[in-house]
N, C-alpha and C. Protein backbone atom coordinates (compact mmCIF):
# COMPACT_ATOMS: atom_id res chain seq x y z
N MET A 1 2.57 -47.96 108.63
CA MET A 1 1.95 -48.14 109.68
C MET A 1 0.49 -48.08 109.18
N HIS A 2 -0.04 -49.40 110.53
CA HIS A 2 -1.58 -49.26 110.31
C HIS A 2 -1.78 -49.65 111.65
N VAL A 3 -3.18 -49.02 111.96
CA VAL A 3 -3.88 -48.54 113.29
C VAL A 3 -5.02 -49.57 113.22
N LYS A 4 -4.75 -50.53 113.74
CA LYS A 4 -6.24 -50.99 113.76
C LYS A 4 -7.59 -50.26 114.38
N GLU A 5 -7.51 -49.90 115.65
CA GLU A 5 -8.21 -49.29 116.51
C GLU A 5 -9.22 -47.90 115.61
N TYR A 6 -8.43 -47.21 114.55
CA TYR A 6 -8.66 -46.12 113.79
C TYR A 6 -8.80 -46.49 112.51
N GLN A 7 -8.89 -47.72 111.74
CA GLN A 7 -9.13 -48.08 110.69
C GLN A 7 -8.21 -46.99 109.68
N ALA A 8 -6.90 -47.13 110.11
CA ALA A 8 -6.11 -46.08 109.43
C ALA A 8 -4.70 -46.74 108.82
N THR A 9 -3.91 -46.17 107.78
CA THR A 9 -2.99 -46.47 107.60
C THR A 9 -1.86 -45.21 107.08
N VAL A 10 -1.11 -45.33 107.68
CA VAL A 10 0.37 -43.84 107.39
C VAL A 10 1.07 -44.42 106.44
N LYS A 11 1.47 -43.97 105.07
CA LYS A 11 2.57 -44.61 104.38
C LYS A 11 3.22 -43.64 104.18
N PHE A 12 4.93 -43.45 103.73
CA PHE A 12 5.73 -42.64 103.76
C PHE A 12 6.46 -43.25 102.15
N TYR A 13 5.99 -42.43 101.43
CA TYR A 13 6.19 -42.35 99.98
C TYR A 13 7.40 -41.21 99.61
N TRP A 14 8.40 -41.30 99.37
CA TRP A 14 9.94 -40.14 99.07
C TRP A 14 9.96 -40.28 97.49
N ALA A 15 9.95 -39.11 96.83
CA ALA A 15 9.84 -38.92 95.33
C ALA A 15 10.49 -37.27 95.18
N SER A 16 11.93 -37.39 94.45
CA SER A 16 12.22 -35.90 94.19
C SER A 16 10.92 -35.22 93.59
N PHE A 17 10.33 -35.48 92.66
CA PHE A 17 9.30 -34.77 91.92
C PHE A 17 7.90 -35.73 91.61
N LEU A 18 6.95 -35.33 91.76
CA LEU A 18 5.79 -35.85 91.58
C LEU A 18 5.85 -36.55 89.83
N VAL A 19 6.67 -36.49 88.83
CA VAL A 19 6.99 -36.84 87.79
C VAL A 19 8.19 -37.84 87.93
N GLN A 20 8.66 -38.61 87.17
CA GLN A 20 9.47 -39.74 87.24
C GLN A 20 10.70 -38.76 86.36
N SER A 21 12.30 -39.44 87.60
CA SER A 21 13.01 -38.40 87.38
C SER A 21 14.87 -39.09 87.57
N ASN A 22 15.58 -38.68 87.06
CA ASN A 22 16.84 -39.45 87.24
C ASN A 22 17.34 -39.37 89.06
N SER A 23 16.56 -38.31 89.59
CA SER A 23 16.93 -38.25 91.35
C SER A 23 15.70 -39.40 91.82
N ASP A 24 15.29 -40.43 91.25
CA ASP A 24 13.98 -41.25 91.89
C ASP A 24 14.71 -41.41 93.48
N ASN A 25 16.46 -42.13 93.42
CA ASN A 25 16.72 -43.00 94.59
C ASN A 25 16.77 -41.80 95.72
N PRO A 26 15.94 -42.24 96.74
CA PRO A 26 16.08 -41.53 97.89
C PRO A 26 17.47 -41.34 98.53
N SER A 27 18.22 -42.24 97.94
CA SER A 27 19.50 -42.19 99.39
C SER A 27 20.39 -41.49 98.04
N MET A 28 20.43 -41.58 96.77
CA MET A 28 20.95 -40.68 95.95
C MET A 28 20.40 -39.68 95.21
N HIS A 29 19.95 -38.85 95.57
CA HIS A 29 18.85 -37.61 94.91
C HIS A 29 19.49 -36.50 94.60
N SER A 30 20.52 -36.15 95.04
CA SER A 30 21.15 -34.39 95.24
C SER A 30 22.10 -34.88 94.31
N ILE A 31 21.55 -35.36 93.37
CA ILE A 31 22.67 -35.26 91.60
C ILE A 31 22.47 -33.17 91.25
N PHE A 32 23.29 -32.86 90.27
CA PHE A 32 23.47 -32.19 89.94
C PHE A 32 22.92 -31.74 88.85
N ASN A 33 22.93 -32.54 87.85
CA ASN A 33 22.08 -32.32 86.60
C ASN A 33 20.80 -33.10 86.52
N GLN A 34 19.37 -32.74 87.22
CA GLN A 34 18.68 -33.40 87.18
C GLN A 34 17.21 -33.56 85.81
N ILE A 35 17.23 -34.33 85.68
CA ILE A 35 16.81 -34.33 84.79
C ILE A 35 15.05 -34.81 84.63
N VAL A 36 13.61 -34.36 84.35
CA VAL A 36 12.37 -35.19 84.72
C VAL A 36 12.01 -35.15 83.49
N MET A 37 11.11 -35.96 83.41
CA MET A 37 10.44 -36.39 82.83
C MET A 37 8.73 -35.94 82.84
N ALA A 38 8.64 -34.70 82.55
CA ALA A 38 7.18 -33.43 83.05
C ALA A 38 5.98 -34.87 82.83
N ASP A 39 6.17 -35.69 81.42
CA ASP A 39 5.05 -36.25 81.28
C ASP A 39 4.76 -37.48 81.58
N SER A 40 5.58 -38.11 82.61
CA SER A 40 5.62 -39.18 83.40
C SER A 40 5.37 -39.15 84.72
N VAL A 41 4.27 -39.42 85.02
CA VAL A 41 3.36 -39.59 86.46
C VAL A 41 3.22 -40.82 86.87
N THR A 42 3.17 -41.28 85.56
CA THR A 42 2.36 -43.16 86.42
C THR A 42 3.51 -43.62 86.98
N LYS A 43 4.69 -43.50 87.10
CA LYS A 43 5.51 -44.88 87.92
C LYS A 43 5.24 -44.48 89.13
N HIS A 44 5.59 -42.91 89.76
CA HIS A 44 4.88 -42.72 91.28
C HIS A 44 3.22 -42.83 91.66
N ALA A 45 2.68 -42.28 90.60
CA ALA A 45 1.01 -42.07 90.77
C ALA A 45 0.86 -43.84 91.09
N GLU A 46 0.89 -45.18 90.54
CA GLU A 46 0.82 -46.29 91.59
C GLU A 46 1.13 -45.96 92.89
N ASN A 47 1.70 -45.94 93.81
CA ASN A 47 1.79 -45.44 94.81
C ASN A 47 0.77 -44.73 95.51
N TRP A 48 -0.22 -43.86 94.58
CA TRP A 48 -1.11 -43.32 95.50
C TRP A 48 -2.59 -43.86 95.35
N LYS A 49 -2.81 -44.68 94.42
CA LYS A 49 -4.09 -45.13 94.40
C LYS A 49 -4.73 -45.62 95.42
N GLY A 50 -6.12 -44.75 95.17
CA GLY A 50 -6.98 -45.43 96.98
C GLY A 50 -6.52 -44.81 98.11
N VAL A 51 -5.63 -43.66 98.09
CA VAL A 51 -5.51 -43.00 99.16
C VAL A 51 -7.05 -42.03 99.65
N ASP A 52 -6.97 -41.33 100.94
CA ASP A 52 -7.60 -40.50 101.11
C ASP A 52 -6.74 -39.16 101.11
N PHE A 53 -5.81 -39.22 101.46
CA PHE A 53 -4.62 -37.67 101.98
C PHE A 53 -3.79 -38.12 101.01
N LEU A 54 -2.86 -37.47 100.23
CA LEU A 54 -1.92 -36.88 99.70
C LEU A 54 -1.13 -36.07 100.09
N ILE A 55 -0.13 -35.60 100.58
CA ILE A 55 0.51 -34.85 101.41
C ILE A 55 1.89 -34.54 100.79
N PHE A 56 1.99 -33.88 100.15
CA PHE A 56 3.52 -32.73 99.19
C PHE A 56 3.98 -32.19 100.42
N ASN A 57 5.42 -31.96 100.35
CA ASN A 57 6.46 -30.91 100.64
C ASN A 57 6.96 -30.10 99.59
N THR A 58 6.70 -28.87 99.18
CA THR A 58 6.80 -28.22 98.22
C THR A 58 7.43 -26.78 98.83
N TYR A 59 8.10 -26.93 99.34
CA TYR A 59 8.65 -25.40 100.02
C TYR A 59 9.81 -24.91 98.53
N GLU A 60 10.74 -25.79 98.34
CA GLU A 60 11.59 -26.07 97.75
C GLU A 60 11.44 -25.37 96.20
N TRP A 61 10.13 -25.43 95.90
CA TRP A 61 9.17 -25.21 94.53
C TRP A 61 9.30 -23.42 94.53
N TRP A 62 9.07 -22.89 95.80
CA TRP A 62 8.81 -21.86 96.05
C TRP A 62 9.75 -20.79 96.42
N MET A 63 11.04 -21.29 95.68
CA MET A 63 12.23 -20.37 95.87
C MET A 63 12.53 -20.05 94.30
N ASN A 64 12.57 -18.42 94.52
CA ASN A 64 13.02 -17.65 93.13
C ASN A 64 14.63 -17.77 92.70
N HIS A 65 15.05 -18.97 93.31
CA HIS A 65 16.42 -18.78 92.62
C HIS A 65 16.92 -19.80 92.96
N LEU A 66 18.13 -20.46 92.76
CA LEU A 66 18.83 -22.01 92.91
C LEU A 66 19.77 -21.99 94.23
N LYS A 67 20.20 -20.78 94.28
CA LYS A 67 20.89 -20.41 95.65
C LYS A 67 20.18 -19.51 96.81
N MET A 68 20.33 -19.86 97.72
CA MET A 68 19.47 -19.62 99.23
C MET A 68 20.45 -18.11 99.47
N LYS A 69 19.23 -17.14 99.22
CA LYS A 69 19.97 -15.90 100.13
C LYS A 69 21.26 -16.55 101.26
N ALA A 70 22.11 -15.51 101.24
CA ALA A 70 23.31 -15.52 102.72
C ALA A 70 22.55 -15.32 103.54
N LEU A 71 22.02 -14.65 104.34
CA LEU A 71 20.79 -14.53 105.17
C LEU A 71 19.62 -13.04 104.85
N SER A 72 18.99 -13.43 105.12
CA SER A 72 18.31 -11.90 105.44
C SER A 72 18.53 -11.20 106.25
N PRO A 73 18.05 -9.84 105.78
CA PRO A 73 18.39 -8.63 107.12
C PRO A 73 17.85 -9.09 107.88
N GLY A 74 16.39 -9.31 107.55
CA GLY A 74 15.62 -9.19 108.65
C GLY A 74 15.76 -10.69 110.31
N TRP A 75 16.86 -11.39 109.62
CA TRP A 75 17.25 -12.23 110.73
C TRP A 75 18.17 -11.28 111.85
N ASN A 76 18.72 -9.84 111.70
CA ASN A 76 19.23 -9.37 112.59
C ASN A 76 20.61 -10.32 112.98
N ASN A 77 21.31 -10.56 112.12
CA ASN A 77 22.67 -11.07 112.33
C ASN A 77 23.80 -11.02 111.37
N PRO A 78 24.00 -10.19 111.48
CA PRO A 78 25.03 -9.90 110.50
C PRO A 78 26.30 -10.85 110.20
N ASP A 79 26.90 -11.34 111.14
CA ASP A 79 27.50 -12.56 110.77
C ASP A 79 27.49 -13.84 110.73
N GLY A 80 25.94 -13.96 110.89
CA GLY A 80 25.61 -15.26 110.22
C GLY A 80 25.83 -15.79 108.75
N ILE A 81 25.78 -16.90 108.80
CA ILE A 81 26.19 -17.35 106.90
C ILE A 81 25.37 -19.00 107.00
N LYS A 82 24.07 -18.35 106.15
CA LYS A 82 23.10 -18.89 105.83
C LYS A 82 22.41 -19.40 107.22
N CYS A 83 22.08 -20.48 107.29
CA CYS A 83 21.12 -20.87 108.54
C CYS A 83 22.22 -21.53 109.78
N ALA A 84 23.95 -21.50 109.60
CA ALA A 84 24.65 -22.20 109.98
C ALA A 84 24.58 -21.67 111.36
N MET A 85 24.74 -22.24 112.38
CA MET A 85 25.06 -21.32 113.64
C MET A 85 24.10 -20.63 114.81
N GLU A 86 22.60 -20.89 114.05
CA GLU A 86 21.87 -20.05 114.13
C GLU A 86 20.80 -20.75 115.79
N THR A 87 20.78 -20.35 116.82
CA THR A 87 20.27 -21.01 117.84
C THR A 87 19.02 -20.62 118.12
N THR A 88 17.78 -18.91 117.61
CA THR A 88 16.89 -19.01 118.40
C THR A 88 16.17 -18.54 116.82
N PRO A 89 14.68 -18.38 116.80
CA PRO A 89 14.12 -18.13 115.95
C PRO A 89 13.92 -16.44 115.43
N VAL A 90 13.43 -15.88 114.54
CA VAL A 90 13.52 -14.68 114.12
C VAL A 90 12.61 -13.79 115.37
N LEU A 91 12.45 -13.21 115.89
CA LEU A 91 11.90 -12.68 117.30
C LEU A 91 10.98 -11.39 116.27
N ASN A 92 11.73 -10.66 115.70
CA ASN A 92 11.33 -9.52 114.94
C ASN A 92 10.21 -9.92 113.70
N MET A 93 9.02 -9.96 114.16
CA MET A 93 7.75 -10.61 113.15
C MET A 93 6.96 -9.35 112.06
N SER A 94 7.50 -8.21 112.72
CA SER A 94 6.75 -6.92 112.12
C SER A 94 6.89 -7.07 110.60
N MET A 95 8.17 -7.65 109.92
CA MET A 95 8.71 -7.09 108.82
C MET A 95 8.21 -8.56 107.87
N PRO A 96 8.07 -8.68 106.85
CA PRO A 96 8.17 -10.10 105.74
C PRO A 96 9.78 -10.60 105.75
N LEU A 97 10.01 -11.79 105.83
CA LEU A 97 11.36 -12.01 105.50
C LEU A 97 11.62 -12.03 103.85
N ASP A 98 12.72 -11.94 103.54
CA ASP A 98 13.82 -12.23 102.34
C ASP A 98 14.16 -13.50 102.17
N VAL A 99 13.83 -14.17 102.44
CA VAL A 99 14.87 -15.73 101.71
C VAL A 99 14.79 -16.47 100.53
N GLY A 100 13.85 -15.55 99.63
CA GLY A 100 14.03 -16.05 98.61
C GLY A 100 12.73 -16.95 98.18
N THR A 101 11.49 -16.85 98.78
CA THR A 101 10.66 -17.43 98.29
C THR A 101 9.89 -16.28 97.09
N ASP A 102 9.18 -17.01 96.37
CA ASP A 102 8.49 -16.36 94.89
C ASP A 102 7.20 -16.24 95.36
N TRP A 103 6.59 -15.33 95.97
CA TRP A 103 5.39 -14.96 96.45
C TRP A 103 4.65 -15.66 95.33
N GLN A 104 4.96 -14.69 94.43
CA GLN A 104 4.18 -14.59 93.08
C GLN A 104 3.80 -15.92 92.91
N MET A 105 4.77 -16.67 92.50
CA MET A 105 4.62 -18.04 91.87
C MET A 105 3.33 -19.02 93.15
N PHE A 106 4.06 -18.74 94.08
CA PHE A 106 2.92 -19.13 95.52
C PHE A 106 1.55 -19.05 95.33
N ALA A 107 1.22 -17.26 95.17
CA ALA A 107 -0.34 -17.30 94.71
C ALA A 107 -0.74 -17.62 93.24
N ILE A 108 -0.08 -18.18 92.43
CA ILE A 108 -0.76 -18.59 91.35
C ILE A 108 -0.51 -20.13 91.92
N ALA A 109 0.41 -20.92 92.46
CA ALA A 109 0.14 -22.43 92.54
C ALA A 109 -1.51 -22.37 93.68
N ALA A 110 -1.47 -21.51 94.30
CA ALA A 110 -2.64 -21.20 95.23
C ALA A 110 -4.09 -21.14 94.74
N ASN A 111 -4.44 -20.17 93.87
CA ASN A 111 -5.02 -19.95 92.81
C ASN A 111 -5.33 -21.20 92.03
N VAL A 112 -4.66 -21.75 91.66
CA VAL A 112 -4.78 -22.85 90.74
C VAL A 112 -5.47 -24.37 91.08
N THR A 113 -4.74 -24.28 92.18
CA THR A 113 -5.12 -25.81 93.10
C THR A 113 -6.75 -25.20 93.29
N ARG A 114 -6.91 -23.88 94.12
CA ARG A 114 -8.37 -23.77 94.10
C ARG A 114 -9.75 -24.10 92.71
N SER A 115 -8.95 -23.76 91.40
CA SER A 115 -9.83 -23.85 90.83
C SER A 115 -9.96 -25.22 90.05
N ILE A 116 -9.13 -26.22 90.05
CA ILE A 116 -9.49 -27.90 89.76
C ILE A 116 -10.32 -28.68 90.19
N LYS A 117 -10.61 -29.49 89.39
CA LYS A 117 -11.97 -30.97 90.13
C LYS A 117 -11.45 -31.53 91.08
N VAL A 118 -10.12 -31.99 91.32
CA VAL A 118 -9.63 -32.27 92.25
C VAL A 118 -9.42 -31.46 93.65
N PRO A 119 -10.23 -32.09 94.60
CA PRO A 119 -9.61 -31.23 95.85
C PRO A 119 -8.30 -31.19 96.63
N ILE A 120 -8.25 -30.23 96.42
CA ILE A 120 -6.98 -29.93 96.96
C ILE A 120 -6.88 -28.53 98.22
N TYR A 121 -5.85 -28.77 99.20
CA TYR A 121 -6.33 -27.97 100.21
C TYR A 121 -4.55 -27.55 100.78
N PHE A 122 -4.11 -26.14 100.45
CA PHE A 122 -2.52 -25.58 100.26
C PHE A 122 -2.75 -25.15 102.22
N LEU A 123 -1.41 -26.22 103.20
CA LEU A 123 -1.94 -26.32 103.88
C LEU A 123 -0.59 -24.94 104.26
N ASN A 124 -0.84 -23.33 104.26
CA ASN A 124 0.74 -22.75 104.36
C ASN A 124 1.24 -22.18 105.38
N ILE A 125 2.21 -23.17 105.59
CA ILE A 125 3.27 -22.58 106.81
C ILE A 125 4.57 -22.56 106.22
N THR A 126 4.68 -21.53 105.20
CA THR A 126 5.62 -20.66 104.99
C THR A 126 6.10 -19.68 105.68
N THR A 127 5.44 -19.06 105.76
CA THR A 127 5.77 -17.87 106.77
C THR A 127 5.76 -18.68 108.11
N LEU A 128 5.23 -19.28 108.49
CA LEU A 128 5.42 -19.49 110.14
C LEU A 128 7.24 -20.48 110.10
N SER A 129 7.39 -21.29 108.86
CA SER A 129 8.66 -21.92 109.14
C SER A 129 9.61 -20.95 108.29
N GLU A 130 9.65 -19.99 107.50
CA GLU A 130 10.80 -19.08 107.73
C GLU A 130 11.41 -18.32 108.34
N TYR A 131 10.66 -17.85 109.74
CA TYR A 131 10.91 -17.43 111.19
C TYR A 131 11.78 -18.43 111.63
N ARG A 132 11.72 -19.75 111.58
CA ARG A 132 12.28 -20.61 112.34
C ARG A 132 14.00 -20.81 112.02
N LYS A 133 14.45 -19.79 111.75
CA LYS A 133 15.57 -19.96 111.13
C LYS A 133 16.90 -20.73 111.64
N HIS A 134 16.47 -21.26 113.04
CA HIS A 134 17.50 -22.26 113.84
C HIS A 134 16.85 -23.71 113.93
N ALA A 135 15.80 -23.62 113.01
CA ALA A 135 15.48 -25.14 112.80
C ALA A 135 15.98 -26.35 111.18
N HIS A 136 16.99 -25.67 110.83
CA HIS A 136 17.59 -26.48 109.60
C HIS A 136 18.46 -27.22 110.05
N ALA A 137 18.60 -28.43 109.36
CA ALA A 137 19.61 -29.47 109.61
C ALA A 137 21.07 -28.66 109.55
N SER A 138 21.20 -27.73 108.71
CA SER A 138 22.68 -26.80 108.62
C SER A 138 23.52 -27.66 108.65
N VAL A 139 24.71 -27.78 108.94
CA VAL A 139 26.10 -28.52 108.11
C VAL A 139 25.74 -29.77 108.90
N TYR A 140 24.65 -30.29 109.71
CA TYR A 140 24.09 -31.65 109.97
C TYR A 140 23.30 -32.37 109.46
N THR A 141 24.20 -31.95 108.20
CA THR A 141 23.13 -33.15 106.87
C THR A 141 23.80 -33.96 106.64
N ILE A 142 23.26 -34.57 105.57
CA ILE A 142 23.81 -35.86 104.24
C ILE A 142 23.50 -35.31 103.27
N ARG A 143 24.90 -35.31 102.41
CA ARG A 143 24.92 -35.09 101.03
C ARG A 143 25.20 -35.99 100.47
N GLN A 144 24.90 -36.91 99.21
CA GLN A 144 25.17 -37.33 98.56
C GLN A 144 25.28 -39.00 98.96
N GLY A 145 24.73 -39.47 100.30
CA GLY A 145 24.11 -40.27 101.16
C GLY A 145 24.90 -40.56 102.11
N LYS A 146 26.12 -39.30 102.51
CA LYS A 146 26.70 -39.31 103.57
C LYS A 146 27.13 -38.33 103.96
N MET A 147 27.37 -38.35 105.73
CA MET A 147 27.28 -36.79 106.34
C MET A 147 28.70 -36.25 105.84
N LEU A 148 28.31 -34.97 106.47
CA LEU A 148 29.36 -33.76 105.97
C LEU A 148 31.10 -33.91 106.63
N THR A 149 31.90 -33.93 105.86
CA THR A 149 32.90 -34.22 106.54
C THR A 149 33.50 -33.24 107.61
N PRO A 150 34.53 -32.69 108.10
CA PRO A 150 34.63 -31.71 109.14
C PRO A 150 35.10 -30.62 108.17
N GLU A 151 35.96 -30.49 107.03
CA GLU A 151 36.63 -29.54 106.53
C GLU A 151 34.91 -29.24 105.34
N GLN A 152 33.93 -29.82 105.03
CA GLN A 152 32.95 -29.49 104.50
C GLN A 152 31.85 -28.55 105.80
N LYS A 153 31.78 -29.18 106.90
CA LYS A 153 31.27 -28.30 107.93
C LYS A 153 32.02 -27.10 108.08
N ALA A 154 33.10 -26.83 108.16
CA ALA A 154 33.88 -25.41 108.51
C ALA A 154 33.32 -24.51 107.30
N ASP A 155 33.12 -24.89 105.87
CA ASP A 155 32.14 -23.97 105.04
C ASP A 155 30.35 -24.27 104.67
N PRO A 156 29.75 -23.06 105.96
CA PRO A 156 28.61 -23.26 105.65
C PRO A 156 27.97 -22.93 104.34
N LEU A 157 28.95 -21.72 103.90
CA LEU A 157 28.46 -20.82 102.81
C LEU A 157 28.07 -21.89 102.14
N THR A 158 29.37 -22.94 101.44
CA THR A 158 28.81 -23.95 101.03
C THR A 158 27.94 -25.13 100.69
N TYR A 159 27.93 -25.79 102.19
CA TYR A 159 27.41 -26.46 102.66
C TYR A 159 26.22 -26.80 103.32
N ALA A 160 26.13 -25.65 104.09
CA ALA A 160 24.81 -25.63 104.71
C ALA A 160 23.09 -26.07 104.11
N ASP A 161 22.63 -27.03 105.12
CA ASP A 161 21.43 -26.87 104.19
C ASP A 161 20.27 -26.50 105.21
N CYS A 162 19.78 -25.13 104.27
CA CYS A 162 18.89 -24.28 104.90
C CYS A 162 17.29 -24.88 103.95
N ILE A 163 17.30 -25.85 103.77
CA ILE A 163 16.28 -25.93 102.79
C ILE A 163 15.06 -27.29 103.95
N HIS A 164 16.10 -27.93 104.59
CA HIS A 164 15.14 -28.93 105.47
C HIS A 164 15.34 -28.25 106.60
N TRP A 165 14.27 -29.14 107.12
CA TRP A 165 14.06 -28.84 109.03
C TRP A 165 14.52 -30.56 109.34
N CYS A 166 15.10 -30.07 111.40
CA CYS A 166 15.28 -31.44 112.01
C CYS A 166 14.38 -31.44 112.78
N PRO A 167 13.81 -32.60 113.30
CA PRO A 167 12.94 -32.53 114.27
C PRO A 167 14.17 -32.49 115.79
N PRO A 168 13.77 -32.24 117.14
CA PRO A 168 12.14 -32.09 116.86
C PRO A 168 12.19 -30.73 117.11
N GLY A 169 10.55 -30.45 116.96
CA GLY A 169 10.42 -28.70 116.99
C GLY A 169 9.13 -28.22 115.70
N LEU A 170 9.83 -27.68 114.70
CA LEU A 170 9.32 -27.15 113.75
C LEU A 170 8.42 -28.26 113.06
N PRO A 171 8.64 -30.02 112.63
CA PRO A 171 8.50 -30.51 111.78
C PRO A 171 6.72 -30.66 113.24
N GLU A 172 7.19 -31.21 114.21
CA GLU A 172 5.90 -31.21 115.11
C GLU A 172 4.60 -30.32 114.55
N THR A 173 5.28 -29.11 114.69
CA THR A 173 4.26 -28.10 114.36
C THR A 173 3.33 -28.45 113.45
N TRP A 174 4.17 -28.85 112.12
CA TRP A 174 3.44 -28.67 111.00
C TRP A 174 2.28 -29.76 111.49
N ASN A 175 3.10 -31.28 112.06
CA ASN A 175 1.76 -32.29 112.03
C ASN A 175 0.74 -32.17 112.76
N GLU A 176 0.70 -31.03 114.29
CA GLU A 176 -0.05 -30.38 114.93
C GLU A 176 -1.06 -29.76 113.48
N LEU A 177 -0.77 -28.87 113.03
CA LEU A 177 -1.30 -28.34 112.13
C LEU A 177 -2.01 -29.27 111.31
N LEU A 178 -1.38 -30.09 110.66
CA LEU A 178 -1.94 -31.06 109.89
C LEU A 178 -3.13 -32.17 110.35
N TYR A 179 -2.77 -32.43 111.95
CA TYR A 179 -3.92 -33.01 112.00
C TYR A 179 -5.37 -32.24 112.32
N ALA A 180 -5.34 -30.95 112.19
CA ALA A 180 -6.24 -30.28 113.32
C ALA A 180 -7.06 -30.11 111.74
N ARG A 181 -5.98 -30.26 110.51
CA ARG A 181 -7.32 -29.75 109.38
C ARG A 181 -7.88 -31.09 109.09
N ILE A 182 -6.83 -32.26 109.19
CA ILE A 182 -7.37 -33.49 108.89
C ILE A 182 -8.77 -33.90 109.55
N ALA A 183 -8.66 -34.01 111.10
CA ALA A 183 -9.59 -33.90 111.98
C ALA A 183 -10.98 -33.03 111.55
N SER A 184 -11.03 -31.64 111.03
CA SER A 184 -11.81 -30.94 111.46
C SER A 184 -12.84 -30.98 109.69
N HIS A 185 -12.24 -32.04 108.61
CA HIS A 185 -12.56 -32.14 107.43
C HIS A 185 -12.71 -33.41 107.14
N TRP A 186 -12.71 -34.45 108.37
CA TRP A 186 -12.70 -36.06 108.06
C TRP A 186 -14.43 -36.34 108.45
């Protein structure tokens, strides 16, 4: 999308990883045996030449295990199954949630990005997002390019998508924060 009056172009480029992998197809990326070619960034980098801002969604990489915890005790819903059927945000913000974020790895990455030559800014929306338990795709998600079947929707422990977020709501908040960051440093 190009906006002439602002001399700005916004492009969306999707990739499972920054490097080439066997899950590069946006429609069929949820494969079980993902293989990455760690030294092969060339394929995707061709799409980034000449850009002023490159924005990565990295939350999934800060998880400390492959399977998300069933439900954080801080969510105060003993009958909850992952993020399924959640309709309100976490209201008790006095204690950090334990939903699987590897804060040690997160801190290492933040420190590394501050020390490299290419300017990288971490817009840390992790904590803000974790309190929005009701803003996930849950069982209203797509797997292998298809909507979940009624049988799959009835099994949220297996099929609920508690990684991705659905608009409206939280993604708009992220966009406002991103806009403020860009506008204040451009």
